N, C-alpha and C. Protein backbone atom coordinates (compact mmCIF):
# COMPACT_ATOMS: atom_id res chain seq x y z
N MET A 1 -103.51 1.59 163.88
CA MET A 1 -103.96 2.16 163.14
C MET A 1 -103.39 2.05 161.75
N HIS A 2 -102.68 1.23 161.88
CA HIS A 2 -102.68 0.62 159.85
C HIS A 2 -103.63 0.03 159.17
N TRP A 3 -104.38 -0.87 159.94
CA TRP A 3 -105.33 -1.58 159.47
C TRP A 3 -106.67 -0.22 159.19
N LEU A 4 -106.39 0.62 159.53
CA LEU A 4 -107.53 1.60 159.08
C LEU A 4 -107.34 2.18 157.79
N TYR A 5 -106.14 2.32 157.58
CA TYR A 5 -105.46 2.55 155.89
C TYR A 5 -106.63 1.14 154.96
N LEU A 6 -106.28 -0.48 155.36
CA LEU A 6 -107.15 -1.04 154.51
C LEU A 6 -108.27 -1.30 154.62
N LEU A 7 -109.13 -0.27 155.64
CA LEU A 7 -110.75 -0.48 155.65
C LEU A 7 -110.85 1.08 154.55
N LEU A 8 -110.17 1.87 154.74
CA LEU A 8 -109.88 2.87 153.84
C LEU A 8 -110.36 2.85 152.62
N ALA A 9 -108.97 2.03 151.98
CA ALA A 9 -108.58 1.37 150.49
C ALA A 9 -109.92 0.57 150.38
N PHE A 10 -110.00 0.44 151.06
CA PHE A 10 -111.71 -1.21 150.78
C PHE A 10 -112.69 -0.45 150.22
N ALA A 11 -113.15 0.80 150.89
CA ALA A 11 -114.38 1.52 150.84
C ALA A 11 -114.27 2.86 149.75
N ALA A 12 -112.95 2.83 149.44
CA ALA A 12 -111.87 3.66 147.79
C ALA A 12 -112.55 2.88 146.47
N VAL A 13 -112.16 1.74 147.08
CA VAL A 13 -112.48 0.53 145.82
C VAL A 13 -114.06 0.07 145.14
N LEU A 14 -114.69 0.04 146.52
CA LEU A 14 -116.36 0.05 146.79
C LEU A 14 -116.92 1.59 145.78
N PHE A 15 -116.38 2.77 145.94
CA PHE A 15 -116.56 3.99 145.93
C PHE A 15 -116.62 3.64 144.13
N ALA A 16 -115.16 2.81 143.91
CA ALA A 16 -114.98 3.18 142.76
C ALA A 16 -116.07 2.58 141.61
N LEU A 17 -116.52 1.35 142.16
CA LEU A 17 -117.28 0.61 141.22
C LEU A 17 -118.57 0.98 141.34
N LYS A 18 -119.01 1.84 142.64
CA LYS A 18 -120.22 2.10 142.30
C LYS A 18 -120.64 3.63 141.48
N THR A 19 -119.55 4.43 141.34
CA THR A 19 -119.62 5.16 140.66
C THR A 19 -119.90 5.84 139.05
N THR A 20 -120.58 6.66 139.13
CA THR A 20 -120.37 6.76 137.59
C THR A 20 -119.23 7.61 136.24
N SER A 21 -118.78 8.08 136.80
CA SER A 21 -117.88 9.50 136.99
C SER A 21 -116.65 8.20 136.64
N SER A 22 -116.09 8.39 135.31
CA SER A 22 -114.70 7.78 134.96
C SER A 22 -113.67 8.83 135.85
N GLY A 23 -113.55 10.14 135.46
CA GLY A 23 -112.54 10.52 136.62
C GLY A 23 -112.65 10.39 137.92
N LEU A 24 -113.94 10.55 138.50
CA LEU A 24 -114.10 9.88 140.11
C LEU A 24 -113.32 8.47 140.08
N MET A 25 -113.05 7.65 139.65
CA MET A 25 -112.79 6.07 139.43
C MET A 25 -111.80 6.42 139.29
N VAL A 26 -111.18 6.62 138.65
CA VAL A 26 -109.64 6.81 138.89
C VAL A 26 -108.94 7.51 139.86
N LEU A 27 -109.50 8.31 140.12
CA LEU A 27 -109.23 9.15 141.28
C LEU A 27 -109.62 8.12 142.72
N CYS A 28 -110.40 7.33 143.07
CA CYS A 28 -110.57 6.36 143.89
C CYS A 28 -109.68 5.37 143.74
N MET A 29 -109.42 4.91 142.55
CA MET A 29 -108.48 3.76 142.53
C MET A 29 -107.64 4.40 142.99
N LEU A 30 -107.07 5.24 142.57
CA LEU A 30 -105.61 5.97 142.68
C LEU A 30 -105.72 5.71 144.47
N ALA A 31 -106.28 6.43 144.68
CA ALA A 31 -106.25 7.02 146.73
C ALA A 31 -106.71 5.12 147.26
N ALA A 32 -106.91 4.53 146.53
CA ALA A 32 -106.70 3.09 147.31
C ALA A 32 -105.83 2.14 147.30
N LEU A 33 -105.06 2.92 146.02
CA LEU A 33 -103.80 2.27 145.69
C LEU A 33 -102.59 2.87 147.04
N ALA A 34 -103.16 3.85 146.76
CA ALA A 34 -101.73 4.49 148.00
C ALA A 34 -101.95 4.50 149.89
N LEU A 35 -103.28 4.03 149.91
CA LEU A 35 -103.69 3.47 150.83
C LEU A 35 -103.47 2.16 150.83
N LEU A 36 -103.74 1.15 150.37
CA LEU A 36 -103.24 -0.68 150.71
C LEU A 36 -101.52 0.02 150.61
N LEU A 37 -100.89 0.73 149.76
CA LEU A 37 -99.31 0.74 150.30
C LEU A 37 -98.62 1.41 151.47
N LEU A 38 -99.52 2.46 151.85
CA LEU A 38 -99.53 3.14 153.79
C LEU A 38 -100.31 2.01 154.74
N TRP A 39 -100.74 0.46 154.22
CA TRP A 39 -100.90 -0.14 155.04
C TRP A 39 -100.13 -1.31 155.03
N LEU A 40 -99.30 -2.02 153.99
CA LEU A 40 -98.41 -2.59 153.87
C LEU A 40 -97.29 -1.60 154.63
N ALA A 41 -96.76 -0.84 154.35
CA ALA A 41 -95.69 -0.03 155.37
C ALA A 41 -95.94 0.58 156.92
N GLY A 42 -97.45 0.09 157.35
CA GLY A 42 -97.44 0.15 158.39
C GLY A 42 -97.38 -1.08 159.28
N LEU A 43 -98.14 -2.18 158.19
CA LEU A 43 -97.82 -3.46 158.38
C LEU A 43 -96.15 -4.07 158.77
N TYR A 44 -95.79 -3.43 158.10
CA TYR A 44 -93.67 -4.13 157.72
C TYR A 44 -93.51 -3.48 159.00
N ALA A 45 -93.73 -1.75 159.48
CA ALA A 45 -93.66 -1.67 160.69
C ALA A 45 -93.60 -1.79 162.04
N ALA A 46 -94.29 -2.33 162.23
CA ALA A 46 -95.18 -3.41 163.26
C ALA A 46 -94.43 -4.34 163.26
N ARG A 47 -94.30 -4.97 162.31
CA ARG A 47 -93.60 -6.58 162.58
C ARG A 47 -92.66 -6.68 163.25
N MET A 48 -91.40 -5.55 162.45
CA MET A 48 -89.99 -4.86 162.45
C MET A 48 -90.01 -4.51 163.82
N ALA A 49 -90.74 -3.25 164.63
CA ALA A 49 -90.82 -2.81 165.91
C ALA A 49 -90.78 -4.12 167.20
N GLY A 50 -91.60 -5.63 166.45
CA GLY A 50 -91.69 -6.38 167.38
C GLY A 50 -91.06 -7.14 167.29
N ARG A 51 -90.02 -7.12 166.08
CA ARG A 51 -88.60 -7.76 166.56
C ARG A 51 -86.60 -7.33 166.52
N SER A 52 -87.62 -5.95 167.31
CA SER A 52 -85.92 -5.49 167.63
C SER A 52 -85.74 -5.81 169.39
N ARG A 53 -84.87 -5.66 169.40
CA ARG A 53 -84.48 -5.97 170.85
C ARG A 53 -84.15 -4.73 171.64
N ASP A 54 -84.36 -5.69 172.79
CA ASP A 54 -84.30 -4.67 174.28
C ASP A 54 -82.51 -3.77 174.20
N PRO A 55 -82.65 -2.64 173.68
CA PRO A 55 -81.75 -1.72 173.86
C PRO A 55 -80.75 -1.83 175.37
N SER A 56 -81.55 -1.90 176.42
CA SER A 56 -80.92 -2.06 178.00
C SER A 56 -80.51 -3.61 178.28
N ALA A 57 -80.76 -4.49 176.91
CA ALA A 57 -80.03 -5.93 177.33
C ALA A 57 -78.97 -5.88 176.48
N MET A 58 -78.46 -5.15 175.81
CA MET A 58 -77.27 -5.06 175.16
C MET A 58 -75.99 -4.87 176.49
N ILE A 59 -75.06 -5.86 175.84
CA ILE A 59 -73.57 -5.36 176.86
C ILE A 59 -72.76 -4.41 176.45
N ASP A 60 -72.06 -3.39 176.88
CA ASP A 60 -71.59 -2.39 176.74
C ASP A 60 -69.77 -3.15 177.40
N PRO A 61 -69.25 -2.48 176.28
CA PRO A 61 -67.40 -3.08 176.11
C PRO A 61 -67.07 -3.31 177.65
N ALA A 62 -67.10 -2.24 178.41
CA ALA A 62 -66.75 -2.46 180.02
C ALA A 62 -67.46 -3.80 180.03
N GLU A 63 -68.41 -3.74 180.74
CA GLU A 63 -69.03 -5.58 181.05
C GLU A 63 -68.54 -6.30 180.19
N LEU A 64 -68.62 -6.53 179.10
CA LEU A 64 -67.49 -7.43 178.09
C LEU A 64 -66.22 -7.84 178.72
N ARG A 65 -65.66 -6.83 178.48
CA ARG A 65 -64.19 -7.08 178.91
C ARG A 65 -64.37 -8.19 180.77
N ARG A 66 -65.40 -7.56 181.61
CA ARG A 66 -64.88 -7.90 183.28
C ARG A 66 -65.72 -9.32 182.79
N LEU A 67 -66.76 -9.33 181.76
CA LEU A 67 -67.09 -10.55 182.18
C LEU A 67 -65.99 -11.88 181.62
N ARG A 68 -64.76 -11.23 180.45
CA ARG A 68 -64.02 -12.13 180.01
C ARG A 68 -62.68 -12.42 180.53
N GLU A 69 -62.61 -11.46 181.77
CA GLU A 69 -61.34 -11.70 182.60
C GLU A 69 -62.34 -12.37 183.83
N GLN A 70 -63.44 -12.94 183.95
CA GLN A 70 -64.12 -13.59 184.98
C GLN A 70 -64.00 -15.01 184.72
N ALA A 71 -64.10 -14.93 182.98
CA ALA A 71 -63.34 -16.38 182.60
C ALA A 71 -62.25 -17.24 182.30
N GLU A 72 -61.48 -15.77 181.82
CA GLU A 72 -60.22 -16.27 182.17
C GLU A 72 -60.01 -16.90 183.65
N ALA A 73 -60.36 -16.13 184.75
CA ALA A 73 -60.01 -16.47 185.97
C ALA A 73 -60.33 -18.07 186.32
N ARG A 74 -61.77 -18.01 185.50
CA ARG A 74 -62.03 -19.21 186.10
C ARG A 74 -61.10 -20.76 185.52
N LYS A 75 -60.75 -20.29 184.55
CA LYS A 75 -59.89 -21.18 183.68
C LYS A 75 -59.05 -21.57 184.01
N ALA A 76 -58.07 -20.62 185.00
CA ALA A 76 -57.01 -20.51 185.33
C ALA A 76 -56.92 -21.26 186.77
N ALA A 77 -58.03 -21.42 187.87
CA ALA A 77 -58.41 -21.73 189.06
C ALA A 77 -59.10 -23.35 188.70
N ALA A 78 -59.01 -23.32 187.48
CA ALA A 78 -59.37 -24.78 187.29
C ALA A 78 -58.23 -25.95 187.25
N GLY A 79 -57.35 -24.90 186.84
CA GLY A 79 -55.80 -25.70 186.62
C GLY A 79 -55.42 -26.05 184.81
N ASN A 80 -56.50 -25.13 184.23
CA ASN A 80 -56.27 -25.44 182.67
C ASN A 80 -55.68 -24.53 182.24
N PRO A 81 -54.91 -23.98 182.02
CA PRO A 81 -54.96 -22.35 181.77
C PRO A 81 -54.44 -22.73 180.29
N ASP A 82 -55.32 -21.71 179.32
CA ASP A 82 -54.64 -21.69 177.82
C ASP A 82 -53.51 -21.05 177.58
N PRO A 83 -52.80 -21.67 176.56
CA PRO A 83 -51.54 -20.09 176.35
C PRO A 83 -52.06 -19.06 175.62
N PRO A 84 -51.28 -17.81 176.04
CA PRO A 84 -52.24 -17.13 175.17
C PRO A 84 -52.14 -16.80 173.81
N ALA A 85 -53.11 -16.24 173.27
CA ALA A 85 -52.64 -16.63 171.63
C ALA A 85 -51.98 -15.50 171.27
N PRO A 86 -51.15 -15.73 169.90
CA PRO A 86 -50.51 -14.29 169.86
C PRO A 86 -51.56 -13.53 169.01
C-alpha cells in the first residue's frame, strides 16, 4: 500500500511540471511532498513490523523460574553445587 504513495507523488510532480499555473504547481509540489512523507512512514512501518518478535515466543516469569530451578537441579546432580550468592 505504501508504494502507491510513491507512485502518486511521482504523478503529482509530473503534473506540476506540465501545468502552466503557478498556484497549481505549488499545490502539486506540496501534495508530492506529503505523499513522499507518507511513503517513507509506510516503508518504515513495514520494516519495523518485519523485525518485531513473536510475543508467543517470549518466556513468562513462571516459566523462567522453572527453567532456573531445572538448571540448578542439573548442577546439583552433577556434583558441582555452587555456593549461593549473597
